[in-house]
ModelCIF file with pLDDT and N, C-alpha, C, O atoms, coordinates in Angstrom:
data_MODEL
#
_entry.id   MODEL 
#
_entity.id                         1 
_entity.type                       polymer 
_entity.pdbx_number_of_molecules   1 
#
_entity_poly.entity_id                      1 
_entity_poly.type                           'polypeptide(L)' 
_entity_poly.nstd_linkage                   no 
_entity_poly.nstd_monomer                   no 
_entity_poly.pdbx_seq_one_letter_code       FILRRPETKAIWKKTRSSQEWEKADAKYVQNEKAGEWFLKNKLPESWR 
_entity_poly.pdbx_seq_one_letter_code_can   FILRRPETKAIWKKTRSSQEWEKADAKYVQNEKAGEWFLKNKLPESWR 
_entity_poly.pdbx_strand_id                 A 
#
loop_
_entity_poly_seq.entity_id 
_entity_poly_seq.num 
_entity_poly_seq.mon_id 
_entity_poly_seq.hetero 
1 1  PHE n 
1 2  ILE n 
1 3  LEU n 
1 4  ARG n 
1 5  ARG n 
1 6  PRO n 
1 7  GLU n 
1 8  THR n 
1 9  LYS n 
1 10 ALA n 
1 11 ILE n 
1 12 TRP n 
1 13 LYS n 
1 14 LYS n 
1 15 THR n 
1 16 ARG n 
1 17 SER n 
1 18 SER n 
1 19 GLN n 
1 20 GLU n 
1 21 TRP n 
1 22 GLU n 
1 23 LYS n 
1 24 ALA n 
1 25 ASP n 
1 26 ALA n 
1 27 LYS n 
1 28 TYR n 
1 29 VAL n 
1 30 GLN n 
1 31 ASN n 
1 32 GLU n 
1 33 LYS n 
1 34 ALA n 
1 35 GLY n 
1 36 GLU n 
1 37 TRP n 
1 38 PHE n 
1 39 LEU n 
1 40 LYS n 
1 41 ASN n 
1 42 LYS n 
1 43 LEU n 
1 44 PRO n 
1 45 GLU n 
1 46 SER n 
1 47 TRP n 
1 48 ARG n 
#
_struct_asym.id          A 
_struct_asym.entity_id   1 
#
loop_
_ma_qa_metric.id 
_ma_qa_metric.mode 
_ma_qa_metric.name 
_ma_qa_metric.software_group_id 
_ma_qa_metric.type 
1 global pLDDT . pLDDT 
2 local  pLDDT . pLDDT 
#
_ma_qa_metric_global.metric_id      1 
_ma_qa_metric_global.metric_value   93.92 
_ma_qa_metric_global.model_id       1 
_ma_qa_metric_global.ordinal_id     1 
#
loop_
_ma_qa_metric_local.label_asym_id 
_ma_qa_metric_local.label_comp_id 
_ma_qa_metric_local.label_seq_id 
_ma_qa_metric_local.metric_id 
_ma_qa_metric_local.metric_value 
_ma_qa_metric_local.model_id 
_ma_qa_metric_local.ordinal_id 
A PHE 1  2 98.00 1 1  
A ILE 2  2 98.00 1 2  
A LEU 3  2 98.00 1 3  
A ARG 4  2 98.00 1 4  
A ARG 5  2 97.00 1 5  
A PRO 6  2 95.00 1 6  
A GLU 7  2 96.00 1 7  
A THR 8  2 93.00 1 8  
A LYS 9  2 95.00 1 9  
A ALA 10 2 97.00 1 10 
A ILE 11 2 97.00 1 11 
A TRP 12 2 97.00 1 12 
A LYS 13 2 97.00 1 13 
A LYS 14 2 97.00 1 14 
A THR 15 2 96.00 1 15 
A ARG 16 2 97.00 1 16 
A SER 17 2 97.00 1 17 
A SER 18 2 96.00 1 18 
A GLN 19 2 97.00 1 19 
A GLU 20 2 96.00 1 20 
A TRP 21 2 98.00 1 21 
A GLU 22 2 97.00 1 22 
A LYS 23 2 96.00 1 23 
A ALA 24 2 97.00 1 24 
A ASP 25 2 97.00 1 25 
A ALA 26 2 97.00 1 26 
A LYS 27 2 97.00 1 27 
A TYR 28 2 96.00 1 28 
A VAL 29 2 94.00 1 29 
A GLN 30 2 86.00 1 30 
A ASN 31 2 81.00 1 31 
A GLU 32 2 75.00 1 32 
A LYS 33 2 73.00 1 33 
A ALA 34 2 76.00 1 34 
A GLY 35 2 87.00 1 35 
A GLU 36 2 91.00 1 36 
A TRP 37 2 95.00 1 37 
A PHE 38 2 94.00 1 38 
A LEU 39 2 94.00 1 39 
A LYS 40 2 93.00 1 40 
A ASN 41 2 91.00 1 41 
A LYS 42 2 92.00 1 42 
A LEU 43 2 95.00 1 43 
A PRO 44 2 96.00 1 44 
A GLU 45 2 95.00 1 45 
A SER 46 2 97.00 1 46 
A TRP 47 2 98.00 1 47 
A ARG 48 2 98.00 1 48 
#
loop_
_atom_site.group_PDB 
_atom_site.id 
_atom_site.type_symbol 
_atom_site.label_atom_id 
_atom_site.label_alt_id 
_atom_site.label_comp_id 
_atom_site.label_asym_id 
_atom_site.label_entity_id 
_atom_site.label_seq_id 
_atom_site.pdbx_PDB_ins_code 
_atom_site.Cartn_x 
_atom_site.Cartn_y 
_atom_site.Cartn_z 
_atom_site.occupancy 
_atom_site.B_iso_or_equiv 
_atom_site.pdbx_formal_charge 
_atom_site.auth_seq_id 
_atom_site.auth_comp_id 
_atom_site.auth_asym_id 
_atom_site.auth_atom_id 
_atom_site.pdbx_PDB_model_num 
ATOM 1   N N  . PHE A 1 1  ? 131.031 99.152  103.588 1.00 98.00 ? 1  PHE A N  1 
ATOM 2   C CA . PHE A 1 1  ? 129.722 99.784  103.439 1.00 98.00 ? 1  PHE A CA 1 
ATOM 3   C C  . PHE A 1 1  ? 128.685 99.150  104.372 1.00 98.00 ? 1  PHE A C  1 
ATOM 4   O O  . PHE A 1 1  ? 128.692 97.944  104.618 1.00 98.00 ? 1  PHE A O  1 
ATOM 5   N N  . ILE A 1 2  ? 127.797 100.007 104.881 1.00 98.00 ? 2  ILE A N  1 
ATOM 6   C CA . ILE A 1 2  ? 126.750 99.561  105.807 1.00 98.00 ? 2  ILE A CA 1 
ATOM 7   C C  . ILE A 1 2  ? 125.400 99.624  105.107 1.00 98.00 ? 2  ILE A C  1 
ATOM 8   O O  . ILE A 1 2  ? 125.029 100.651 104.539 1.00 98.00 ? 2  ILE A O  1 
ATOM 9   N N  . LEU A 1 3  ? 124.675 98.517  105.156 1.00 98.00 ? 3  LEU A N  1 
ATOM 10  C CA . LEU A 1 3  ? 123.382 98.391  104.486 1.00 98.00 ? 3  LEU A CA 1 
ATOM 11  C C  . LEU A 1 3  ? 122.286 98.107  105.511 1.00 98.00 ? 3  LEU A C  1 
ATOM 12  O O  . LEU A 1 3  ? 122.503 97.422  106.510 1.00 98.00 ? 3  LEU A O  1 
ATOM 13  N N  . ARG A 1 4  ? 121.107 98.654  105.231 1.00 98.00 ? 4  ARG A N  1 
ATOM 14  C CA . ARG A 1 4  ? 119.940 98.493  106.091 1.00 98.00 ? 4  ARG A CA 1 
ATOM 15  C C  . ARG A 1 4  ? 118.845 97.812  105.275 1.00 98.00 ? 4  ARG A C  1 
ATOM 16  O O  . ARG A 1 4  ? 118.416 98.330  104.244 1.00 98.00 ? 4  ARG A O  1 
ATOM 17  N N  . ARG A 1 5  ? 118.396 96.642  105.745 1.00 97.00 ? 5  ARG A N  1 
ATOM 18  C CA . ARG A 1 5  ? 117.421 95.864  104.970 1.00 97.00 ? 5  ARG A CA 1 
ATOM 19  C C  . ARG A 1 5  ? 116.285 95.356  105.859 1.00 97.00 ? 5  ARG A C  1 
ATOM 20  O O  . ARG A 1 5  ? 116.470 95.195  107.065 1.00 97.00 ? 5  ARG A O  1 
ATOM 21  N N  . PRO A 1 6  ? 115.112 95.104  105.273 1.00 95.00 ? 6  PRO A N  1 
ATOM 22  C CA . PRO A 1 6  ? 114.018 94.509  106.041 1.00 95.00 ? 6  PRO A CA 1 
ATOM 23  C C  . PRO A 1 6  ? 114.385 93.105  106.512 1.00 95.00 ? 6  PRO A C  1 
ATOM 24  O O  . PRO A 1 6  ? 115.117 92.393  105.824 1.00 95.00 ? 6  PRO A O  1 
ATOM 25  N N  . GLU A 1 7  ? 113.885 92.702  107.678 1.00 96.00 ? 7  GLU A N  1 
ATOM 26  C CA . GLU A 1 7  ? 114.090 91.353  108.195 1.00 96.00 ? 7  GLU A CA 1 
ATOM 27  C C  . GLU A 1 7  ? 112.906 90.984  109.085 1.00 96.00 ? 7  GLU A C  1 
ATOM 28  O O  . GLU A 1 7  ? 112.867 91.336  110.264 1.00 96.00 ? 7  GLU A O  1 
ATOM 29  N N  . THR A 1 8  ? 111.945 90.270  108.504 1.00 93.00 ? 8  THR A N  1 
ATOM 30  C CA . THR A 1 8  ? 110.695 89.982  109.207 1.00 93.00 ? 8  THR A CA 1 
ATOM 31  C C  . THR A 1 8  ? 110.884 89.101  110.443 1.00 93.00 ? 8  THR A C  1 
ATOM 32  O O  . THR A 1 8  ? 110.026 89.092  111.326 1.00 93.00 ? 8  THR A O  1 
ATOM 33  N N  . LYS A 1 9  ? 111.987 88.367  110.520 1.00 95.00 ? 9  LYS A N  1 
ATOM 34  C CA . LYS A 1 9  ? 112.202 87.484  111.672 1.00 95.00 ? 9  LYS A CA 1 
ATOM 35  C C  . LYS A 1 9  ? 112.692 88.239  112.901 1.00 95.00 ? 9  LYS A C  1 
ATOM 36  O O  . LYS A 1 9  ? 112.611 87.723  114.015 1.00 95.00 ? 9  LYS A O  1 
ATOM 37  N N  . ALA A 1 10 ? 113.196 89.444  112.713 1.00 97.00 ? 10 ALA A N  1 
ATOM 38  C CA . ALA A 1 10 ? 113.748 90.217  113.825 1.00 97.00 ? 10 ALA A CA 1 
ATOM 39  C C  . ALA A 1 10 ? 112.644 91.050  114.474 1.00 97.00 ? 10 ALA A C  1 
ATOM 40  O O  . ALA A 1 10 ? 112.542 92.251  114.228 1.00 97.00 ? 10 ALA A O  1 
ATOM 41  N N  . ILE A 1 11 ? 111.829 90.415  115.293 1.00 97.00 ? 11 ILE A N  1 
ATOM 42  C CA . ILE A 1 11 ? 110.657 91.097  115.854 1.00 97.00 ? 11 ILE A CA 1 
ATOM 43  C C  . ILE A 1 11 ? 110.918 91.664  117.252 1.00 97.00 ? 11 ILE A C  1 
ATOM 44  O O  . ILE A 1 11 ? 110.022 92.258  117.852 1.00 97.00 ? 11 ILE A O  1 
ATOM 45  N N  . TRP A 1 12 ? 112.135 91.488  117.777 1.00 97.00 ? 12 TRP A N  1 
ATOM 46  C CA . TRP A 1 12 ? 112.505 92.097  119.040 1.00 97.00 ? 12 TRP A CA 1 
ATOM 47  C C  . TRP A 1 12 ? 112.942 93.558  118.812 1.00 97.00 ? 12 TRP A C  1 
ATOM 48  O O  . TRP A 1 12 ? 112.947 94.037  117.677 1.00 97.00 ? 12 TRP A O  1 
ATOM 49  N N  . LYS A 1 13 ? 113.302 94.246  119.877 1.00 97.00 ? 13 LYS A N  1 
ATOM 50  C CA . LYS A 1 13 ? 113.686 95.649  119.765 1.00 97.00 ? 13 LYS A CA 1 
ATOM 51  C C  . LYS A 1 13 ? 115.152 95.790  119.338 1.00 97.00 ? 13 LYS A C  1 
ATOM 52  O O  . LYS A 1 13 ? 115.993 94.951  119.659 1.00 97.00 ? 13 LYS A O  1 
ATOM 53  N N  . LYS A 1 14 ? 115.430 96.861  118.616 1.00 97.00 ? 14 LYS A N  1 
ATOM 54  C CA . LYS A 1 14 ? 116.802 97.159  118.224 1.00 97.00 ? 14 LYS A CA 1 
ATOM 55  C C  . LYS A 1 14 ? 117.645 97.500  119.452 1.00 97.00 ? 14 LYS A C  1 
ATOM 56  O O  . LYS A 1 14 ? 117.132 97.963  120.471 1.00 97.00 ? 14 LYS A O  1 
ATOM 57  N N  . THR A 1 15 ? 118.942 97.261  119.331 1.00 96.00 ? 15 THR A N  1 
ATOM 58  C CA . THR A 1 15 ? 119.877 97.575  120.411 1.00 96.00 ? 15 THR A CA 1 
ATOM 59  C C  . THR A 1 15 ? 120.556 98.922  120.185 1.00 96.00 ? 15 THR A C  1 
ATOM 60  O O  . THR A 1 15 ? 120.684 99.721  121.113 1.00 96.00 ? 15 THR A O  1 
ATOM 61  N N  . ARG A 1 16 ? 120.993 99.174  118.949 1.00 97.00 ? 16 ARG A N  1 
ATOM 62  C CA . ARG A 1 16 ? 121.675 100.424 118.635 1.00 97.00 ? 16 ARG A CA 1 
ATOM 63  C C  . ARG A 1 16 ? 120.678 101.571 118.512 1.00 97.00 ? 16 ARG A C  1 
ATOM 64  O O  . ARG A 1 16 ? 119.490 101.350 118.278 1.00 97.00 ? 16 ARG A O  1 
ATOM 65  N N  . SER A 1 17 ? 121.161 102.772 118.669 1.00 97.00 ? 17 SER A N  1 
ATOM 66  C CA . SER A 1 17 ? 120.299 103.958 118.615 1.00 97.00 ? 17 SER A CA 1 
ATOM 67  C C  . SER A 1 17 ? 119.825 104.218 117.183 1.00 97.00 ? 17 SER A C  1 
ATOM 68  O O  . SER A 1 17 ? 120.415 103.730 116.219 1.00 97.00 ? 17 SER A O  1 
ATOM 69  N N  . SER A 1 18 ? 118.761 104.988 117.071 1.00 96.00 ? 18 SER A N  1 
ATOM 70  C CA . SER A 1 18 ? 118.241 105.343 115.753 1.00 96.00 ? 18 SER A CA 1 
ATOM 71  C C  . SER A 1 18 ? 119.260 106.162 114.972 1.00 96.00 ? 18 SER A C  1 
ATOM 72  O O  . SER A 1 18 ? 119.308 106.088 113.745 1.00 96.00 ? 18 SER A O  1 
ATOM 73  N N  . GLN A 1 19 ? 120.072 106.941 115.676 1.00 97.00 ? 19 GLN A N  1 
ATOM 74  C CA . GLN A 1 19 ? 121.106 107.726 114.994 1.00 97.00 ? 19 GLN A CA 1 
ATOM 75  C C  . GLN A 1 19 ? 122.126 106.815 114.315 1.00 97.00 ? 19 GLN A C  1 
ATOM 76  O O  . GLN A 1 19 ? 122.591 107.104 113.212 1.00 97.00 ? 19 GLN A O  1 
ATOM 77  N N  . GLU A 1 20 ? 122.469 105.714 114.981 1.00 96.00 ? 20 GLU A N  1 
ATOM 78  C CA . GLU A 1 20 ? 123.420 104.773 114.382 1.00 96.00 ? 20 GLU A CA 1 
ATOM 79  C C  . GLU A 1 20 ? 122.816 104.081 113.171 1.00 96.00 ? 20 GLU A C  1 
ATOM 80  O O  . GLU A 1 20 ? 123.513 103.858 112.181 1.00 96.00 ? 20 GLU A O  1 
ATOM 81  N N  . TRP A 1 21 ? 121.547 103.739 113.228 1.00 98.00 ? 21 TRP A N  1 
ATOM 82  C CA . TRP A 1 21 ? 120.878 103.122 112.086 1.00 98.00 ? 21 TRP A CA 1 
ATOM 83  C C  . TRP A 1 21 ? 120.811 104.089 110.907 1.00 98.00 ? 21 TRP A C  1 
ATOM 84  O O  . TRP A 1 21 ? 120.922 103.676 109.753 1.00 98.00 ? 21 TRP A O  1 
ATOM 85  N N  . GLU A 1 22 ? 120.633 105.351 111.195 1.00 97.00 ? 22 GLU A N  1 
ATOM 86  C CA . GLU A 1 22 ? 120.513 106.346 110.128 1.00 97.00 ? 22 GLU A CA 1 
ATOM 87  C C  . GLU A 1 22 ? 121.838 106.583 109.401 1.00 97.00 ? 22 GLU A C  1 
ATOM 88  O O  . GLU A 1 22 ? 121.858 107.211 108.342 1.00 97.00 ? 22 GLU A O  1 
ATOM 89  N N  . LYS A 1 23 ? 122.930 106.091 109.954 1.00 96.00 ? 23 LYS A N  1 
ATOM 90  C CA . LYS A 1 23 ? 124.241 106.249 109.315 1.00 96.00 ? 23 LYS A CA 1 
ATOM 91  C C  . LYS A 1 23 ? 124.464 105.257 108.168 1.00 96.00 ? 23 LYS A C  1 
ATOM 92  O O  . LYS A 1 23 ? 125.481 105.328 107.479 1.00 96.00 ? 23 LYS A O  1 
ATOM 93  N N  . ALA A 1 24 ? 123.522 104.337 107.960 1.00 97.00 ? 24 ALA A N  1 
ATOM 94  C CA . ALA A 1 24 ? 123.679 103.336 106.897 1.00 97.00 ? 24 ALA A CA 1 
ATOM 95  C C  . ALA A 1 24 ? 123.905 104.013 105.549 1.00 97.00 ? 24 ALA A C  1 
ATOM 96  O O  . ALA A 1 24 ? 123.274 105.023 105.239 1.00 97.00 ? 24 ALA A O  1 
ATOM 97  N N  . ASP A 1 25 ? 124.813 103.447 104.749 1.00 97.00 ? 25 ASP A N  1 
ATOM 98  C CA . ASP A 1 25 ? 125.090 103.997 103.422 1.00 97.00 ? 25 ASP A CA 1 
ATOM 99  C C  . ASP A 1 25 ? 123.906 103.838 102.480 1.00 97.00 ? 25 ASP A C  1 
ATOM 100 O O  . ASP A 1 25 ? 123.709 104.657 101.583 1.00 97.00 ? 25 ASP A O  1 
ATOM 101 N N  . ALA A 1 26 ? 123.115 102.782 102.680 1.00 97.00 ? 26 ALA A N  1 
ATOM 102 C CA . ALA A 1 26 ? 121.952 102.543 101.821 1.00 97.00 ? 26 ALA A CA 1 
ATOM 103 C C  . ALA A 1 26 ? 120.879 101.789 102.596 1.00 97.00 ? 26 ALA A C  1 
ATOM 104 O O  . ALA A 1 26 ? 121.178 100.966 103.462 1.00 97.00 ? 26 ALA A O  1 
ATOM 105 N N  . LYS A 1 27 ? 119.620 102.088 102.267 1.00 97.00 ? 27 LYS A N  1 
ATOM 106 C CA . LYS A 1 27 ? 118.484 101.440 102.910 1.00 97.00 ? 27 LYS A CA 1 
ATOM 107 C C  . LYS A 1 27 ? 117.564 100.880 101.837 1.00 97.00 ? 27 LYS A C  1 
ATOM 108 O O  . LYS A 1 27 ? 117.213 101.564 100.876 1.00 97.00 ? 27 LYS A O  1 
ATOM 109 N N  . TYR A 1 28 ? 117.177 99.611  102.023 1.00 96.00 ? 28 TYR A N  1 
ATOM 110 C CA . TYR A 1 28 ? 116.261 98.962  101.071 1.00 96.00 ? 28 TYR A CA 1 
ATOM 111 C C  . TYR A 1 28 ? 114.839 99.079  101.596 1.00 96.00 ? 28 TYR A C  1 
ATOM 112 O O  . TYR A 1 28 ? 114.562 98.749  102.749 1.00 96.00 ? 28 TYR A O  1 
ATOM 113 N N  . VAL A 1 29 ? 113.936 99.553  100.737 1.00 94.00 ? 29 VAL A N  1 
ATOM 114 C CA . VAL A 1 29 ? 112.520 99.688  101.097 1.00 94.00 ? 29 VAL A CA 1 
ATOM 115 C C  . VAL A 1 29 ? 111.697 98.822  100.161 1.00 94.00 ? 29 VAL A C  1 
ATOM 116 O O  . VAL A 1 29 ? 111.772 98.955  98.940  1.00 94.00 ? 29 VAL A O  1 
ATOM 117 N N  . GLN A 1 30 ? 110.918 97.944  100.747 1.00 86.00 ? 30 GLN A N  1 
ATOM 118 C CA . GLN A 1 30 ? 110.081 97.040  99.964  1.00 86.00 ? 30 GLN A CA 1 
ATOM 119 C C  . GLN A 1 30 ? 108.728 97.686  99.693  1.00 86.00 ? 30 GLN A C  1 
ATOM 120 O O  . GLN A 1 30 ? 108.021 98.071  100.624 1.00 86.00 ? 30 GLN A O  1 
ATOM 121 N N  . ASN A 1 31 ? 108.372 97.805  98.426  1.00 81.00 ? 31 ASN A N  1 
ATOM 122 C CA . ASN A 1 31 ? 107.060 98.297  98.049  1.00 81.00 ? 31 ASN A CA 1 
ATOM 123 C C  . ASN A 1 31 ? 106.142 97.126  97.752  1.00 81.00 ? 31 ASN A C  1 
ATOM 124 O O  . ASN A 1 31 ? 106.536 95.978  97.953  1.00 81.00 ? 31 ASN A O  1 
ATOM 125 N N  . GLU A 1 32 ? 104.936 97.381  97.281  1.00 75.00 ? 32 GLU A N  1 
ATOM 126 C CA . GLU A 1 32 ? 103.973 96.303  97.053  1.00 75.00 ? 32 GLU A CA 1 
ATOM 127 C C  . GLU A 1 32 ? 104.454 95.317  96.000  1.00 75.00 ? 32 GLU A C  1 
ATOM 128 O O  . GLU A 1 32 ? 104.311 94.107  96.178  1.00 75.00 ? 32 GLU A O  1 
ATOM 129 N N  . LYS A 1 33 ? 105.015 95.810  94.914  1.00 73.00 ? 33 LYS A N  1 
ATOM 130 C CA . LYS A 1 33 ? 105.406 94.928  93.825  1.00 73.00 ? 33 LYS A CA 1 
ATOM 131 C C  . LYS A 1 33 ? 106.922 94.795  93.654  1.00 73.00 ? 33 LYS A C  1 
ATOM 132 O O  . LYS A 1 33 ? 107.396 93.855  93.016  1.00 73.00 ? 33 LYS A O  1 
ATOM 133 N N  . ALA A 1 34 ? 107.661 95.710  94.209  1.00 76.00 ? 34 ALA A N  1 
ATOM 134 C CA . ALA A 1 34 ? 109.109 95.688  94.015  1.00 76.00 ? 34 ALA A CA 1 
ATOM 135 C C  . ALA A 1 34 ? 109.778 96.345  95.208  1.00 76.00 ? 34 ALA A C  1 
ATOM 136 O O  . ALA A 1 34 ? 109.133 96.647  96.212  1.00 76.00 ? 34 ALA A O  1 
ATOM 137 N N  . GLY A 1 35 ? 111.078 96.561  95.086  1.00 87.00 ? 35 GLY A N  1 
ATOM 138 C CA . GLY A 1 35 ? 111.818 97.218  96.155  1.00 87.00 ? 35 GLY A CA 1 
ATOM 139 C C  . GLY A 1 35 ? 112.794 98.213  95.570  1.00 87.00 ? 35 GLY A C  1 
ATOM 140 O O  . GLY A 1 35 ? 113.063 98.211  94.369  1.00 87.00 ? 35 GLY A O  1 
ATOM 141 N N  . GLU A 1 36 ? 113.324 99.067  96.439  1.00 91.00 ? 36 GLU A N  1 
ATOM 142 C CA . GLU A 1 36 ? 114.228 100.116 95.961  1.00 91.00 ? 36 GLU A CA 1 
ATOM 143 C C  . GLU A 1 36 ? 115.240 100.459 97.036  1.00 91.00 ? 36 GLU A C  1 
ATOM 144 O O  . GLU A 1 36 ? 114.918 100.489 98.224  1.00 91.00 ? 36 GLU A O  1 
ATOM 145 N N  . TRP A 1 37 ? 116.475 100.719 96.606  1.00 95.00 ? 37 TRP A N  1 
ATOM 146 C CA . TRP A 1 37 ? 117.520 101.159 97.511  1.00 95.00 ? 37 TRP A CA 1 
ATOM 147 C C  . TRP A 1 37 ? 117.558 102.690 97.546  1.00 95.00 ? 37 TRP A C  1 
ATOM 148 O O  . TRP A 1 37 ? 117.558 103.339 96.500  1.00 95.00 ? 37 TRP A O  1 
ATOM 149 N N  . PHE A 1 38 ? 117.591 103.252 98.739  1.00 94.00 ? 38 PHE A N  1 
ATOM 150 C CA . PHE A 1 38 ? 117.748 104.691 98.917  1.00 94.00 ? 38 PHE A CA 1 
ATOM 151 C C  . PHE A 1 38 ? 119.141 104.943 99.485  1.00 94.00 ? 38 PHE A C  1 
ATOM 152 O O  . PHE A 1 38 ? 119.482 104.430 100.550 1.00 94.00 ? 38 PHE A O  1 
ATOM 153 N N  . LEU A 1 39 ? 119.932 105.720 98.784  1.00 94.00 ? 39 LEU A N  1 
ATOM 154 C CA . LEU A 1 39 ? 121.327 105.914 99.141  1.00 94.00 ? 39 LEU A CA 1 
ATOM 155 C C  . LEU A 1 39 ? 121.523 107.164 99.992  1.00 94.00 ? 39 LEU A C  1 
ATOM 156 O O  . LEU A 1 39 ? 121.077 108.252 99.627  1.00 94.00 ? 39 LEU A O  1 
ATOM 157 N N  . LYS A 1 40 ? 122.184 107.000 101.115 1.00 93.00 ? 40 LYS A N  1 
ATOM 158 C CA . LYS A 1 40 ? 122.589 108.148 101.932 1.00 93.00 ? 40 LYS A CA 1 
ATOM 159 C C  . LYS A 1 40 ? 123.957 108.630 101.449 1.00 93.00 ? 40 LYS A C  1 
ATOM 160 O O  . LYS A 1 40 ? 124.240 109.827 101.405 1.00 93.00 ? 40 LYS A O  1 
ATOM 161 N N  . ASN A 1 41 ? 124.787 107.663 101.092 1.00 91.00 ? 41 ASN A N  1 
ATOM 162 C CA . ASN A 1 41 ? 126.115 107.947 100.547 1.00 91.00 ? 41 ASN A CA 1 
ATOM 163 C C  . ASN A 1 41 ? 126.271 107.189 99.231  1.00 91.00 ? 41 ASN A C  1 
ATOM 164 O O  . ASN A 1 41 ? 125.635 106.156 99.025  1.00 91.00 ? 41 ASN A O  1 
ATOM 165 N N  . LYS A 1 42 ? 127.098 107.694 98.363  1.00 92.00 ? 42 LYS A N  1 
ATOM 166 C CA . LYS A 1 42 ? 127.287 107.065 97.065  1.00 92.00 ? 42 LYS A CA 1 
ATOM 167 C C  . LYS A 1 42 ? 127.933 105.696 97.218  1.00 92.00 ? 42 LYS A C  1 
ATOM 168 O O  . LYS A 1 42 ? 128.932 105.541 97.921  1.00 92.00 ? 42 LYS A O  1 
ATOM 169 N N  . LEU A 1 43 ? 127.351 104.709 96.551  1.00 95.00 ? 43 LEU A N  1 
ATOM 170 C CA . LEU A 1 43 ? 127.896 103.352 96.553  1.00 95.00 ? 43 LEU A CA 1 
ATOM 171 C C  . LEU A 1 43 ? 128.408 103.012 95.157  1.00 95.00 ? 43 LEU A C  1 
ATOM 172 O O  . LEU A 1 43 ? 127.845 103.483 94.168  1.00 95.00 ? 43 LEU A O  1 
ATOM 173 N N  . PRO A 1 44 ? 129.463 102.203 95.056  1.00 96.00 ? 44 PRO A N  1 
ATOM 174 C CA . PRO A 1 44 ? 129.870 101.706 93.740  1.00 96.00 ? 44 PRO A CA 1 
ATOM 175 C C  . PRO A 1 44 ? 128.838 100.719 93.218  1.00 96.00 ? 44 PRO A C  1 
ATOM 176 O O  . PRO A 1 44 ? 128.031 100.198 93.989  1.00 96.00 ? 44 PRO A O  1 
ATOM 177 N N  . GLU A 1 45 ? 128.856 100.462 91.941  1.00 95.00 ? 45 GLU A N  1 
ATOM 178 C CA . GLU A 1 45 ? 127.932 99.483  91.361  1.00 95.00 ? 45 GLU A CA 1 
ATOM 179 C C  . GLU A 1 45 ? 128.139 98.111  91.984  1.00 95.00 ? 45 GLU A C  1 
ATOM 180 O O  . GLU A 1 45 ? 127.187 97.353  92.162  1.00 95.00 ? 45 GLU A O  1 
ATOM 181 N N  . SER A 1 46 ? 129.377 97.799  92.311  1.00 97.00 ? 46 SER A N  1 
ATOM 182 C CA . SER A 1 46 ? 129.697 96.565  93.013  1.00 97.00 ? 46 SER A CA 1 
ATOM 183 C C  . SER A 1 46 ? 130.990 96.763  93.790  1.00 97.00 ? 46 SER A C  1 
ATOM 184 O O  . SER A 1 46 ? 131.779 97.657  93.486  1.00 97.00 ? 46 SER A O  1 
ATOM 185 N N  . TRP A 1 47 ? 131.199 95.922  94.795  1.00 98.00 ? 47 TRP A N  1 
ATOM 186 C CA . TRP A 1 47 ? 132.463 95.927  95.529  1.00 98.00 ? 47 TRP A CA 1 
ATOM 187 C C  . TRP A 1 47 ? 132.733 94.500  96.004  1.00 98.00 ? 47 TRP A C  1 
ATOM 188 O O  . TRP A 1 47 ? 131.899 93.613  95.825  1.00 98.00 ? 47 TRP A O  1 
ATOM 189 N N  . ARG A 1 48 ? 133.888 94.285  96.601  1.00 98.00 ? 48 ARG A N  1 
ATOM 190 C CA . ARG A 1 48 ? 134.302 92.932  96.925  1.00 98.00 ? 48 ARG A CA 1 
ATOM 191 C C  . ARG A 1 48 ? 134.453 92.716  98.426  1.00 98.00 ? 48 ARG A C  1 
ATOM 192 O O  . ARG A 1 48 ? 134.799 91.617  98.860  1.00 98.00 ? 48 ARG A O  1 
#
């Protein structure tokens, strides 16, 4: 599974295309008080 998460230390430009980033199975979005995962594809509750 491919996950997309915030990373404040990565302030340089991305290398892969936006289309490749959009293929992530899930993306984490940080809100003011909490965060939430948005799923592009169904993920199991856990995996190994």
